[in-house]
Amino acid sequence: MELTQAIVLALIQGITEFLPISSTAHLILVPFITDWPDQGLAFDVALNTATWLAVVIYFRSDIVDISRGFFRSLAERRLEGNHNGALAWMALAATIPVAVAGVLAHDLVAGPLRTLEIIGWSSIVWGLVLWAADRRPGNKEIGRIGWKEAVFVGLAQAVALIPGTSRSGITMTAGLFAGLSRTAAARFSFLLAIIVGALAGGKEGLDMIGAGEATPWGA
């Protein structure tokens, strides 16, 4: 991969990651438009890890508060009066579906699903669903997220493994359908992004170490 391609892909990732559009889909589309070689899933994950760091830095105070609440819940073995601890457990519950799906469907996501047809249909379908959800936002704030809402959002997040499906878009959509306010749905989505980004980046790093050689970015 040439430096120009890497820079262009990084710019596209930075612009699209924080919008309810699929950053992965845009990264896949670039090689088709420019005749560059497909950079591959590993490079996509590397770019996602970079934007993950930006999210971690921006939400660092929230992360500290939620982490304290989580460890407090472990020490006290209860969640009553511990909103941050409850939020941490809800986020972990919402992460289980995508973690399992990511392991089971890794080869499928990395290969057969990286097509223009899949990207196009996914973008259209989930874009319309997000539009419908945004017309009927709920009023639940983030402190009222329960197990039912967390699992529902988590299942939706697993669908985001399909290229063309925005992770932030589909999790916010699920949150809105679950009765969350726009602000609560967006904040919970970004909280999930921190966990998923860490898992994806960690898995890809371990795969590279296990391979014992540098990943051939799109070679």
N, C-alpha and C. Protein backbone atom coordinates (compact mmCIF):
# COMPACT_ATOMS: atom_id res chain seq x y z
N MET A 1 0.84 -1.19 0.00
CA MET A 1 0.00 0.00 0.00
C MET A 1 0.88 1.25 0.00
N GLU A 2 0.52 2.20 -0.86
CA GLU A 2 1.28 3.44 -0.93
C GLU A 2 0.83 4.40 0.18
N LEU A 3 1.72 5.35 0.50
CA LEU A 3 1.44 6.31 1.57
C LEU A 3 0.20 7.14 1.25
N THR A 4 0.02 7.50 -0.02
CA THR A 4 -1.14 8.30 -0.42
C THR A 4 -2.43 7.59 -0.08
N GLN A 5 -2.50 6.30 -0.37
CA GLN A 5 -3.70 5.53 -0.06
C GLN A 5 -3.95 5.49 1.44
N ALA A 6 -2.90 5.29 2.21
CA ALA A 6 -3.05 5.24 3.67
C ALA A 6 -3.58 6.56 4.22
N ILE A 7 -3.07 7.68 3.70
CA ILE A 7 -3.50 9.00 4.17
C ILE A 7 -4.97 9.25 3.81
N VAL A 8 -5.34 8.92 2.58
CA VAL A 8 -6.73 9.11 2.14
C VAL A 8 -7.68 8.28 2.99
N LEU A 9 -7.33 7.03 3.23
CA LEU A 9 -8.17 6.15 4.04
C LEU A 9 -8.28 6.66 5.47
N ALA A 10 -7.19 7.18 6.01
CA ALA A 10 -7.21 7.72 7.37
C ALA A 10 -8.12 8.94 7.47
N LEU A 11 -8.08 9.80 6.46
CA LEU A 11 -8.95 10.98 6.45
C LEU A 11 -10.42 10.57 6.37
N ILE A 12 -10.71 9.60 5.52
CA ILE A 12 -12.09 9.13 5.38
C ILE A 12 -12.58 8.51 6.69
N GLN A 13 -11.73 7.73 7.31
CA GLN A 13 -12.07 7.12 8.60
C GLN A 13 -12.35 8.19 9.65
N GLY A 14 -11.51 9.19 9.72
CA GLY A 14 -11.69 10.24 10.71
C GLY A 14 -12.97 11.03 10.53
N ILE A 15 -13.37 11.24 9.27
CA ILE A 15 -14.58 12.02 8.98
C ILE A 15 -15.84 11.20 9.23
N THR A 16 -15.83 9.94 8.83
CA THR A 16 -17.06 9.13 8.85
C THR A 16 -17.29 8.37 10.15
N GLU A 17 -16.27 8.18 10.95
CA GLU A 17 -16.40 7.34 12.15
C GLU A 17 -17.43 7.89 13.13
N PHE A 18 -17.53 9.20 13.25
CA PHE A 18 -18.39 9.78 14.27
C PHE A 18 -19.74 10.24 13.71
N LEU A 19 -20.06 9.81 12.51
CA LEU A 19 -21.36 10.06 11.91
C LEU A 19 -22.10 8.74 11.79
N PRO A 20 -23.44 8.76 11.77
CA PRO A 20 -24.20 7.51 11.66
C PRO A 20 -24.20 6.94 10.23
N ILE A 21 -23.02 6.90 9.65
CA ILE A 21 -22.81 6.27 8.35
C ILE A 21 -21.65 5.30 8.52
N SER A 22 -21.61 4.27 7.72
CA SER A 22 -20.61 3.23 7.92
C SER A 22 -19.23 3.67 7.44
N SER A 23 -18.31 3.84 8.39
CA SER A 23 -16.94 4.19 8.00
C SER A 23 -16.29 3.03 7.26
N THR A 24 -16.58 1.80 7.68
CA THR A 24 -16.01 0.63 7.01
C THR A 24 -16.46 0.55 5.56
N ALA A 25 -17.73 0.87 5.31
CA ALA A 25 -18.23 0.85 3.94
C ALA A 25 -17.47 1.83 3.06
N HIS A 26 -17.22 3.01 3.59
CA HIS A 26 -16.48 4.02 2.81
C HIS A 26 -15.05 3.57 2.56
N LEU A 27 -14.45 2.90 3.54
CA LEU A 27 -13.09 2.40 3.36
C LEU A 27 -13.04 1.32 2.28
N ILE A 28 -14.08 0.51 2.21
CA ILE A 28 -14.13 -0.55 1.19
C ILE A 28 -14.38 0.04 -0.19
N LEU A 29 -15.16 1.12 -0.25
CA LEU A 29 -15.51 1.72 -1.54
C LEU A 29 -14.31 2.38 -2.22
N VAL A 30 -13.39 2.92 -1.43
CA VAL A 30 -12.26 3.65 -1.99
C VAL A 30 -11.48 2.84 -3.03
N PRO A 31 -11.09 1.59 -2.75
CA PRO A 31 -10.34 0.82 -3.76
C PRO A 31 -11.12 0.62 -5.06
N PHE A 32 -12.45 0.48 -4.95
CA PHE A 32 -13.25 0.29 -6.16
C PHE A 32 -13.24 1.55 -7.02
N ILE A 33 -13.22 2.72 -6.38
CA ILE A 33 -13.26 3.98 -7.11
C ILE A 33 -11.90 4.35 -7.67
N THR A 34 -10.85 4.05 -6.93
CA THR A 34 -9.50 4.50 -7.31
C THR A 34 -8.64 3.43 -7.97
N ASP A 35 -9.14 2.19 -7.99
CA ASP A 35 -8.35 1.05 -8.50
C ASP A 35 -7.15 0.73 -7.62
N TRP A 36 -7.18 1.20 -6.38
CA TRP A 36 -6.15 0.81 -5.42
C TRP A 36 -6.46 -0.62 -4.95
N PRO A 37 -5.46 -1.33 -4.45
CA PRO A 37 -5.72 -2.66 -3.89
C PRO A 37 -6.54 -2.54 -2.60
N ASP A 38 -7.38 -3.54 -2.35
CA ASP A 38 -8.15 -3.56 -1.11
C ASP A 38 -7.19 -3.64 0.07
N GLN A 39 -7.30 -2.70 0.98
CA GLN A 39 -6.39 -2.65 2.12
C GLN A 39 -6.62 -3.77 3.11
N GLY A 40 -7.78 -4.41 3.05
CA GLY A 40 -8.06 -5.53 3.93
C GLY A 40 -8.64 -5.13 5.28
N LEU A 41 -9.25 -6.11 5.94
CA LEU A 41 -9.91 -5.86 7.21
C LEU A 41 -8.94 -5.43 8.30
N ALA A 42 -7.72 -5.97 8.28
CA ALA A 42 -6.75 -5.64 9.33
C ALA A 42 -6.43 -4.15 9.34
N PHE A 43 -6.27 -3.55 8.17
CA PHE A 43 -5.97 -2.12 8.12
C PHE A 43 -7.18 -1.31 8.55
N ASP A 44 -8.39 -1.78 8.18
CA ASP A 44 -9.60 -1.10 8.62
C ASP A 44 -9.67 -1.07 10.15
N VAL A 45 -9.33 -2.20 10.77
CA VAL A 45 -9.35 -2.27 12.23
C VAL A 45 -8.30 -1.34 12.83
N ALA A 46 -7.14 -1.25 12.18
CA ALA A 46 -6.09 -0.34 12.66
C ALA A 46 -6.58 1.11 12.66
N LEU A 47 -7.29 1.50 11.60
CA LEU A 47 -7.83 2.85 11.53
C LEU A 47 -8.90 3.06 12.59
N ASN A 48 -9.73 2.04 12.79
CA ASN A 48 -10.75 2.13 13.83
C ASN A 48 -10.13 2.27 15.21
N THR A 49 -8.99 1.63 15.41
CA THR A 49 -8.30 1.73 16.70
C THR A 49 -7.80 3.16 16.93
N ALA A 50 -7.37 3.81 15.87
CA ALA A 50 -6.90 5.19 15.98
C ALA A 50 -8.04 6.12 16.40
N THR A 51 -9.21 5.97 15.77
CA THR A 51 -10.34 6.81 16.15
C THR A 51 -10.86 6.41 17.53
N TRP A 52 -10.68 5.15 17.89
CA TRP A 52 -11.05 4.70 19.24
C TRP A 52 -10.26 5.47 20.29
N LEU A 53 -8.99 5.71 20.02
CA LEU A 53 -8.17 6.48 20.96
C LEU A 53 -8.71 7.90 21.13
N ALA A 54 -9.21 8.47 20.04
CA ALA A 54 -9.79 9.81 20.12
C ALA A 54 -11.02 9.81 21.02
N VAL A 55 -11.86 8.78 20.89
CA VAL A 55 -13.05 8.67 21.73
C VAL A 55 -12.66 8.51 23.20
N VAL A 56 -11.66 7.68 23.45
CA VAL A 56 -11.20 7.45 24.82
C VAL A 56 -10.72 8.76 25.45
N ILE A 57 -9.96 9.53 24.69
CA ILE A 57 -9.45 10.80 25.21
C ILE A 57 -10.60 11.77 25.50
N TYR A 58 -11.57 11.84 24.59
CA TYR A 58 -12.68 12.79 24.75
C TYR A 58 -13.56 12.42 25.95
N PHE A 59 -13.80 11.11 26.14
CA PHE A 59 -14.68 10.66 27.22
C PHE A 59 -13.90 10.16 28.43
N ARG A 60 -12.67 10.62 28.59
CA ARG A 60 -11.82 10.08 29.65
C ARG A 60 -12.42 10.26 31.04
N SER A 61 -13.06 11.39 31.30
CA SER A 61 -13.63 11.60 32.63
C SER A 61 -14.80 10.66 32.87
N ASP A 62 -15.62 10.45 31.83
CA ASP A 62 -16.73 9.50 31.94
C ASP A 62 -16.22 8.09 32.16
N ILE A 63 -15.14 7.74 31.46
CA ILE A 63 -14.57 6.40 31.59
C ILE A 63 -14.09 6.17 33.02
N VAL A 64 -13.45 7.18 33.60
CA VAL A 64 -12.97 7.06 34.98
C VAL A 64 -14.14 6.86 35.94
N ASP A 65 -15.20 7.66 35.78
CA ASP A 65 -16.36 7.55 36.67
C ASP A 65 -17.04 6.19 36.53
N ILE A 66 -17.21 5.74 35.29
CA ILE A 66 -17.88 4.45 35.06
C ILE A 66 -17.02 3.30 35.58
N SER A 67 -15.72 3.41 35.40
CA SER A 67 -14.81 2.36 35.91
C SER A 67 -14.88 2.28 37.43
N ARG A 68 -14.90 3.43 38.07
CA ARG A 68 -15.02 3.45 39.53
C ARG A 68 -16.33 2.81 39.97
N GLY A 69 -17.39 3.14 39.26
CA GLY A 69 -18.69 2.55 39.58
C GLY A 69 -18.68 1.05 39.40
N PHE A 70 -18.00 0.58 38.35
CA PHE A 70 -17.92 -0.85 38.08
C PHE A 70 -17.20 -1.58 39.22
N PHE A 71 -16.04 -1.09 39.60
CA PHE A 71 -15.29 -1.74 40.67
C PHE A 71 -16.00 -1.63 42.02
N ARG A 72 -16.74 -0.53 42.19
CA ARG A 72 -17.54 -0.40 43.41
C ARG A 72 -18.63 -1.47 43.45
N SER A 73 -19.23 -1.75 42.28
CA SER A 73 -20.28 -2.78 42.23
C SER A 73 -19.71 -4.16 42.54
N LEU A 74 -18.47 -4.40 42.13
CA LEU A 74 -17.83 -5.68 42.44
C LEU A 74 -17.56 -5.81 43.94
N ALA A 75 -17.15 -4.70 44.54
CA ALA A 75 -16.84 -4.72 45.97
C ALA A 75 -18.10 -4.85 46.82
N GLU A 76 -19.16 -4.12 46.42
CA GLU A 76 -20.39 -4.11 47.21
C GLU A 76 -21.36 -5.20 46.80
N ARG A 77 -21.17 -5.77 45.61
CA ARG A 77 -22.04 -6.82 45.06
C ARG A 77 -23.49 -6.37 44.96
N ARG A 78 -23.67 -5.13 44.60
CA ARG A 78 -25.01 -4.60 44.35
C ARG A 78 -24.90 -3.36 43.49
N LEU A 79 -26.02 -3.01 42.83
CA LEU A 79 -26.02 -1.86 41.93
C LEU A 79 -26.91 -0.73 42.42
N GLU A 80 -27.66 -0.96 43.49
CA GLU A 80 -28.54 0.08 44.01
C GLU A 80 -27.74 1.33 44.37
N GLY A 81 -28.17 2.47 43.85
CA GLY A 81 -27.50 3.73 44.15
C GLY A 81 -26.17 3.91 43.44
N ASN A 82 -25.87 3.02 42.52
CA ASN A 82 -24.59 3.07 41.79
C ASN A 82 -24.89 3.15 40.29
N HIS A 83 -25.25 4.33 39.82
CA HIS A 83 -25.67 4.48 38.42
C HIS A 83 -24.52 4.19 37.46
N ASN A 84 -23.33 4.63 37.78
CA ASN A 84 -22.20 4.37 36.89
C ASN A 84 -21.86 2.88 36.83
N GLY A 85 -21.97 2.21 37.96
CA GLY A 85 -21.73 0.77 37.97
C GLY A 85 -22.76 0.03 37.14
N ALA A 86 -24.03 0.44 37.26
CA ALA A 86 -25.08 -0.19 36.47
C ALA A 86 -24.85 0.04 34.98
N LEU A 87 -24.43 1.25 34.64
CA LEU A 87 -24.16 1.57 33.24
C LEU A 87 -23.03 0.71 32.69
N ALA A 88 -22.02 0.47 33.51
CA ALA A 88 -20.90 -0.37 33.08
C ALA A 88 -21.37 -1.79 32.78
N TRP A 89 -22.22 -2.34 33.64
CA TRP A 89 -22.73 -3.69 33.41
C TRP A 89 -23.64 -3.75 32.19
N MET A 90 -24.44 -2.71 31.97
CA MET A 90 -25.30 -2.68 30.79
C MET A 90 -24.45 -2.65 29.51
N ALA A 91 -23.37 -1.88 29.55
CA ALA A 91 -22.49 -1.79 28.39
C ALA A 91 -21.81 -3.13 28.11
N LEU A 92 -21.40 -3.82 29.17
CA LEU A 92 -20.79 -5.13 28.99
C LEU A 92 -21.79 -6.13 28.42
N ALA A 93 -23.03 -6.08 28.91
CA ALA A 93 -24.06 -6.97 28.40
C ALA A 93 -24.32 -6.71 26.92
N ALA A 94 -24.30 -5.44 26.54
CA ALA A 94 -24.54 -5.08 25.14
C ALA A 94 -23.38 -5.46 24.24
N THR A 95 -22.23 -5.73 24.82
CA THR A 95 -21.04 -6.07 24.03
C THR A 95 -20.95 -7.56 23.73
N ILE A 96 -21.59 -8.39 24.54
CA ILE A 96 -21.49 -9.84 24.37
C ILE A 96 -21.92 -10.31 22.98
N PRO A 97 -23.08 -9.86 22.45
CA PRO A 97 -23.49 -10.35 21.13
C PRO A 97 -22.48 -10.07 20.02
N VAL A 98 -21.93 -8.86 19.97
CA VAL A 98 -21.00 -8.53 18.90
C VAL A 98 -19.67 -9.24 19.10
N ALA A 99 -19.28 -9.49 20.34
CA ALA A 99 -18.04 -10.22 20.60
C ALA A 99 -18.15 -11.65 20.09
N VAL A 100 -19.26 -12.30 20.38
CA VAL A 100 -19.48 -13.67 19.93
C VAL A 100 -19.60 -13.73 18.41
N ALA A 101 -20.40 -12.81 17.85
CA ALA A 101 -20.57 -12.79 16.39
C ALA A 101 -19.27 -12.47 15.68
N GLY A 102 -18.47 -11.59 16.27
CA GLY A 102 -17.20 -11.22 15.65
C GLY A 102 -16.25 -12.39 15.53
N VAL A 103 -16.23 -13.24 16.55
CA VAL A 103 -15.36 -14.42 16.52
C VAL A 103 -15.89 -15.45 15.52
N LEU A 104 -17.19 -15.71 15.56
CA LEU A 104 -17.78 -16.74 14.72
C LEU A 104 -17.81 -16.36 13.24
N ALA A 105 -18.00 -15.06 12.96
CA ALA A 105 -18.18 -14.63 11.57
C ALA A 105 -16.99 -13.86 11.02
N HIS A 106 -15.83 -13.94 11.67
CA HIS A 106 -14.68 -13.14 11.25
C HIS A 106 -14.31 -13.38 9.79
N ASP A 107 -14.19 -14.64 9.39
CA ASP A 107 -13.78 -14.94 8.01
C ASP A 107 -14.82 -14.46 7.00
N LEU A 108 -16.09 -14.56 7.37
CA LEU A 108 -17.16 -14.11 6.48
C LEU A 108 -17.12 -12.61 6.30
N VAL A 109 -16.93 -11.89 7.40
CA VAL A 109 -16.88 -10.42 7.36
C VAL A 109 -15.64 -9.94 6.61
N ALA A 110 -14.54 -10.64 6.78
CA ALA A 110 -13.27 -10.23 6.17
C ALA A 110 -13.22 -10.50 4.68
N GLY A 111 -14.08 -11.39 4.18
CA GLY A 111 -14.01 -11.76 2.77
C GLY A 111 -15.30 -11.59 1.99
N PRO A 112 -16.17 -12.60 2.00
CA PRO A 112 -17.37 -12.61 1.15
C PRO A 112 -18.31 -11.42 1.32
N LEU A 113 -18.36 -10.83 2.50
CA LEU A 113 -19.30 -9.72 2.72
C LEU A 113 -18.74 -8.36 2.29
N ARG A 114 -17.47 -8.30 1.91
CA ARG A 114 -16.87 -7.02 1.49
C ARG A 114 -17.16 -6.78 0.00
N THR A 115 -18.44 -6.64 -0.32
CA THR A 115 -18.85 -6.42 -1.72
C THR A 115 -19.68 -5.15 -1.83
N LEU A 116 -19.73 -4.58 -3.03
CA LEU A 116 -20.52 -3.37 -3.26
C LEU A 116 -22.00 -3.63 -3.05
N GLU A 117 -22.47 -4.81 -3.43
CA GLU A 117 -23.89 -5.13 -3.28
C GLU A 117 -24.30 -5.14 -1.81
N ILE A 118 -23.51 -5.79 -0.99
CA ILE A 118 -23.82 -5.85 0.45
C ILE A 118 -23.78 -4.46 1.06
N ILE A 119 -22.75 -3.69 0.70
CA ILE A 119 -22.61 -2.33 1.23
C ILE A 119 -23.80 -1.47 0.83
N GLY A 120 -24.18 -1.54 -0.45
CA GLY A 120 -25.27 -0.71 -0.95
C GLY A 120 -26.59 -1.00 -0.26
N TRP A 121 -26.95 -2.28 -0.21
CA TRP A 121 -28.23 -2.65 0.40
C TRP A 121 -28.24 -2.37 1.90
N SER A 122 -27.14 -2.63 2.57
CA SER A 122 -27.07 -2.36 4.01
C SER A 122 -27.23 -0.87 4.30
N SER A 123 -26.56 -0.05 3.51
CA SER A 123 -26.63 1.40 3.71
C SER A 123 -28.05 1.91 3.51
N ILE A 124 -28.72 1.41 2.48
CA ILE A 124 -30.08 1.86 2.18
C ILE A 124 -31.05 1.42 3.27
N VAL A 125 -31.03 0.13 3.59
CA VAL A 125 -31.98 -0.43 4.55
C VAL A 125 -31.83 0.20 5.92
N TRP A 126 -30.60 0.23 6.44
CA TRP A 126 -30.41 0.74 7.80
C TRP A 126 -30.50 2.26 7.85
N GLY A 127 -30.25 2.93 6.74
CA GLY A 127 -30.47 4.36 6.69
C GLY A 127 -31.95 4.70 6.85
N LEU A 128 -32.80 3.92 6.19
CA LEU A 128 -34.25 4.12 6.30
C LEU A 128 -34.75 3.79 7.71
N VAL A 129 -34.18 2.74 8.29
CA VAL A 129 -34.59 2.37 9.65
C VAL A 129 -34.19 3.47 10.64
N LEU A 130 -33.00 4.03 10.49
CA LEU A 130 -32.57 5.13 11.36
C LEU A 130 -33.48 6.33 11.19
N TRP A 131 -33.86 6.63 9.96
CA TRP A 131 -34.77 7.76 9.70
C TRP A 131 -36.09 7.54 10.43
N ALA A 132 -36.61 6.31 10.37
CA ALA A 132 -37.87 6.00 11.04
C ALA A 132 -37.73 6.11 12.55
N ALA A 133 -36.62 5.62 13.09
CA ALA A 133 -36.42 5.67 14.54
C ALA A 133 -36.28 7.10 15.04
N ASP A 134 -35.64 7.94 14.25
CA ASP A 134 -35.40 9.32 14.67
C ASP A 134 -36.70 10.13 14.73
N ARG A 135 -37.74 9.64 14.08
CA ARG A 135 -39.02 10.34 14.09
C ARG A 135 -39.81 10.05 15.37
N ARG A 136 -39.34 9.08 16.16
CA ARG A 136 -40.06 8.73 17.38
C ARG A 136 -39.10 8.48 18.53
N PRO A 137 -38.29 9.47 18.89
CA PRO A 137 -37.36 9.28 20.01
C PRO A 137 -38.10 9.13 21.33
N GLY A 138 -37.50 8.40 22.26
CA GLY A 138 -38.10 8.22 23.57
C GLY A 138 -37.63 9.30 24.53
N ASN A 139 -37.87 9.07 25.81
CA ASN A 139 -37.47 10.06 26.82
C ASN A 139 -36.65 9.45 27.95
N LYS A 140 -36.25 8.19 27.80
CA LYS A 140 -35.42 7.56 28.83
C LYS A 140 -34.01 8.13 28.78
N GLU A 141 -33.50 8.51 29.94
CA GLU A 141 -32.12 8.97 30.01
C GLU A 141 -31.20 7.77 30.24
N ILE A 142 -29.91 7.99 30.11
CA ILE A 142 -28.97 6.87 30.11
C ILE A 142 -28.97 6.10 31.43
N GLY A 143 -29.31 6.77 32.52
CA GLY A 143 -29.34 6.10 33.81
C GLY A 143 -30.48 5.11 33.96
N ARG A 144 -31.43 5.12 33.01
CA ARG A 144 -32.58 4.22 33.08
C ARG A 144 -32.45 3.02 32.15
N ILE A 145 -31.28 2.85 31.55
CA ILE A 145 -31.07 1.69 30.68
C ILE A 145 -31.04 0.42 31.52
N GLY A 146 -31.88 -0.55 31.15
CA GLY A 146 -31.92 -1.82 31.86
C GLY A 146 -31.39 -2.95 30.99
N TRP A 147 -31.50 -4.17 31.52
CA TRP A 147 -30.98 -5.32 30.79
C TRP A 147 -31.65 -5.48 29.43
N LYS A 148 -32.97 -5.27 29.39
CA LYS A 148 -33.71 -5.45 28.14
C LYS A 148 -33.21 -4.50 27.07
N GLU A 149 -33.06 -3.22 27.41
CA GLU A 149 -32.56 -2.25 26.44
C GLU A 149 -31.12 -2.55 26.04
N ALA A 150 -30.31 -2.97 27.00
CA ALA A 150 -28.89 -3.24 26.72
C ALA A 150 -28.74 -4.41 25.75
N VAL A 151 -29.48 -5.48 25.98
CA VAL A 151 -29.39 -6.65 25.09
C VAL A 151 -29.92 -6.31 23.71
N PHE A 152 -30.99 -5.54 23.64
CA PHE A 152 -31.56 -5.16 22.35
C PHE A 152 -30.56 -4.35 21.53
N VAL A 153 -29.93 -3.37 22.17
CA VAL A 153 -28.91 -2.57 21.49
C VAL A 153 -27.71 -3.45 21.13
N GLY A 154 -27.36 -4.38 22.01
CA GLY A 154 -26.24 -5.27 21.74
C GLY A 154 -26.46 -6.16 20.54
N LEU A 155 -27.67 -6.69 20.40
CA LEU A 155 -27.99 -7.52 19.24
C LEU A 155 -27.91 -6.70 17.96
N ALA A 156 -28.38 -5.46 18.04
CA ALA A 156 -28.29 -4.58 16.87
C ALA A 156 -26.84 -4.30 16.52
N GLN A 157 -26.00 -4.14 17.54
CA GLN A 157 -24.59 -3.86 17.30
C GLN A 157 -23.91 -5.02 16.57
N ALA A 158 -24.34 -6.24 16.84
CA ALA A 158 -23.77 -7.40 16.15
C ALA A 158 -24.04 -7.34 14.65
N VAL A 159 -25.19 -6.78 14.28
CA VAL A 159 -25.53 -6.66 12.86
C VAL A 159 -24.57 -5.71 12.15
N ALA A 160 -23.96 -4.79 12.91
CA ALA A 160 -23.04 -3.81 12.33
C ALA A 160 -21.77 -4.44 11.79
N LEU A 161 -21.56 -5.73 12.04
CA LEU A 161 -20.42 -6.41 11.44
C LEU A 161 -20.57 -6.51 9.93
N ILE A 162 -21.80 -6.43 9.45
CA ILE A 162 -22.05 -6.47 8.01
C ILE A 162 -21.60 -5.15 7.39
N PRO A 163 -20.69 -5.17 6.44
CA PRO A 163 -20.22 -3.92 5.81
C PRO A 163 -21.39 -3.10 5.25
N GLY A 164 -21.33 -1.81 5.47
CA GLY A 164 -22.40 -0.93 5.03
C GLY A 164 -23.36 -0.59 6.15
N THR A 165 -23.25 -1.32 7.25
CA THR A 165 -24.09 -1.07 8.42
C THR A 165 -23.29 -0.27 9.44
N SER A 166 -23.71 0.95 9.68
CA SER A 166 -22.99 1.81 10.62
C SER A 166 -23.19 1.32 12.05
N ARG A 167 -22.10 1.08 12.77
CA ARG A 167 -22.22 0.64 14.15
C ARG A 167 -22.90 1.70 15.01
N SER A 168 -22.43 2.95 14.88
CA SER A 168 -23.05 4.02 15.66
C SER A 168 -24.49 4.24 15.23
N GLY A 169 -24.74 4.16 13.93
CA GLY A 169 -26.08 4.37 13.42
C GLY A 169 -27.07 3.33 13.92
N ILE A 170 -26.68 2.05 13.84
CA ILE A 170 -27.62 1.00 14.21
C ILE A 170 -27.80 0.90 15.72
N THR A 171 -26.76 1.22 16.50
CA THR A 171 -26.93 1.19 17.95
C THR A 171 -27.78 2.37 18.42
N MET A 172 -27.62 3.52 17.80
CA MET A 172 -28.49 4.65 18.15
C MET A 172 -29.92 4.38 17.71
N THR A 173 -30.08 3.73 16.56
CA THR A 173 -31.41 3.36 16.09
C THR A 173 -32.09 2.43 17.09
N ALA A 174 -31.37 1.40 17.52
CA ALA A 174 -31.92 0.46 18.49
C ALA A 174 -32.25 1.16 19.80
N GLY A 175 -31.38 2.08 20.22
CA GLY A 175 -31.64 2.82 21.44
C GLY A 175 -32.90 3.66 21.35
N LEU A 176 -33.10 4.29 20.22
CA LEU A 176 -34.31 5.10 20.02
C LEU A 176 -35.55 4.23 20.03
N PHE A 177 -35.50 3.08 19.35
CA PHE A 177 -36.63 2.16 19.35
C PHE A 177 -36.89 1.60 20.75
N ALA A 178 -35.84 1.53 21.57
CA ALA A 178 -35.99 1.02 22.94
C ALA A 178 -36.49 2.09 23.90
N GLY A 179 -36.72 3.29 23.38
CA GLY A 179 -37.29 4.35 24.20
C GLY A 179 -36.31 5.35 24.76
N LEU A 180 -35.03 5.26 24.35
CA LEU A 180 -34.04 6.21 24.84
C LEU A 180 -34.19 7.56 24.14
N SER A 181 -33.78 8.61 24.83
CA SER A 181 -33.74 9.93 24.19
C SER A 181 -32.58 9.95 23.20
N ARG A 182 -32.57 10.94 22.31
CA ARG A 182 -31.47 11.03 21.34
C ARG A 182 -30.12 11.12 22.05
N THR A 183 -30.06 11.95 23.09
CA THR A 183 -28.80 12.12 23.81
C THR A 183 -28.35 10.83 24.48
N ALA A 184 -29.28 10.13 25.12
CA ALA A 184 -28.94 8.88 25.80
C ALA A 184 -28.51 7.81 24.80
N ALA A 185 -29.21 7.73 23.68
CA ALA A 185 -28.87 6.74 22.65
C ALA A 185 -27.48 6.99 22.09
N ALA A 186 -27.16 8.26 21.86
CA ALA A 186 -25.84 8.61 21.31
C ALA A 186 -24.74 8.34 22.33
N ARG A 187 -24.97 8.71 23.58
CA ARG A 187 -23.93 8.51 24.60
C ARG A 187 -23.68 7.02 24.83
N PHE A 188 -24.74 6.22 24.89
CA PHE A 188 -24.57 4.78 25.09
C PHE A 188 -23.84 4.16 23.90
N SER A 189 -24.14 4.66 22.70
CA SER A 189 -23.47 4.16 21.50
C SER A 189 -21.97 4.42 21.56
N PHE A 190 -21.58 5.61 21.98
CA PHE A 190 -20.16 5.93 22.08
C PHE A 190 -19.48 5.13 23.19
N LEU A 191 -20.21 4.87 24.27
CA LEU A 191 -19.65 4.04 25.34
C LEU A 191 -19.37 2.63 24.82
N LEU A 192 -20.29 2.10 24.04
CA LEU A 192 -20.08 0.77 23.45
C LEU A 192 -18.91 0.79 22.48
N ALA A 193 -18.75 1.90 21.77
CA ALA A 193 -17.64 2.01 20.81
C ALA A 193 -16.29 1.86 21.50
N ILE A 194 -16.19 2.36 22.72
CA ILE A 194 -14.93 2.26 23.47
C ILE A 194 -14.60 0.80 23.75
N ILE A 195 -15.60 0.04 24.18
CA ILE A 195 -15.36 -1.37 24.51
C ILE A 195 -15.09 -2.18 23.26
N VAL A 196 -15.92 -2.01 22.24
CA VAL A 196 -15.77 -2.78 21.00
C VAL A 196 -14.46 -2.45 20.31
N GLY A 197 -14.09 -1.17 20.32
CA GLY A 197 -12.83 -0.77 19.70
C GLY A 197 -11.64 -1.43 20.37
N ALA A 198 -11.70 -1.52 21.70
CA ALA A 198 -10.61 -2.16 22.43
C ALA A 198 -10.53 -3.65 22.10
N LEU A 199 -11.69 -4.30 22.02
CA LEU A 199 -11.71 -5.73 21.72
C LEU A 199 -11.22 -6.01 20.30
N ALA A 200 -11.71 -5.23 19.33
CA ALA A 200 -11.32 -5.46 17.94
C ALA A 200 -9.84 -5.19 17.73
N GLY A 201 -9.37 -4.08 18.28
CA GLY A 201 -7.95 -3.76 18.14
C GLY A 201 -7.06 -4.78 18.83
N GLY A 202 -7.49 -5.24 20.00
CA GLY A 202 -6.72 -6.24 20.71
C GLY A 202 -6.66 -7.56 19.98
N LYS A 203 -7.80 -7.98 19.41
CA LYS A 203 -7.83 -9.25 18.66
C LYS A 203 -6.94 -9.18 17.44
N GLU A 204 -7.02 -8.07 16.71
CA GLU A 204 -6.20 -7.94 15.51
C GLU A 204 -4.71 -7.92 15.87
N GLY A 205 -4.38 -7.26 16.97
CA GLY A 205 -2.99 -7.24 17.40
C GLY A 205 -2.48 -8.62 17.76
N LEU A 206 -3.31 -9.39 18.47
CA LEU A 206 -2.93 -10.76 18.83
C LEU A 206 -2.78 -11.64 17.60
N ASP A 207 -3.67 -11.44 16.61
CA ASP A 207 -3.57 -12.21 15.37
C ASP A 207 -2.26 -11.92 14.65
N MET A 208 -1.86 -10.65 14.64
CA MET A 208 -0.60 -10.28 13.98
C MET A 208 0.60 -10.87 14.72
N ILE A 209 0.54 -10.83 16.05
CA ILE A 209 1.63 -11.41 16.84
C ILE A 209 1.70 -12.92 16.62
N GLY A 210 0.52 -13.55 16.58
CA GLY A 210 0.48 -14.98 16.37
C GLY A 210 0.99 -15.39 15.01
N ALA A 211 0.78 -14.51 14.01
CA ALA A 211 1.26 -14.82 12.66
C ALA A 211 2.78 -14.71 12.57
N GLY A 212 3.36 -13.92 13.48
CA GLY A 212 4.81 -13.81 13.52
C GLY A 212 5.40 -12.98 12.41
N GLU A 213 4.54 -12.17 11.74
CA GLU A 213 5.03 -11.32 10.67
C GLU A 213 4.11 -10.13 10.51
N ALA A 214 4.61 -9.10 9.83
CA ALA A 214 3.81 -7.90 9.62
C ALA A 214 2.63 -8.21 8.71
N THR A 215 1.49 -7.56 8.98
CA THR A 215 0.33 -7.75 8.13
C THR A 215 0.55 -7.06 6.79
N PRO A 216 0.34 -7.77 5.67
CA PRO A 216 0.54 -7.16 4.35
C PRO A 216 -0.65 -6.30 3.99
N TRP A 217 -0.61 -5.03 4.36
CA TRP A 217 -1.76 -4.14 4.13
C TRP A 217 -2.10 -4.11 2.64
N GLY A 218 -3.11 -4.84 2.26
CA GLY A 218 -3.63 -4.78 0.90
C GLY A 218 -2.67 -5.29 -0.14
N ALA A 219 -1.61 -5.95 0.24
CA ALA A 219 -0.62 -6.41 -0.73
C ALA A 219 -1.16 -7.58 -1.52
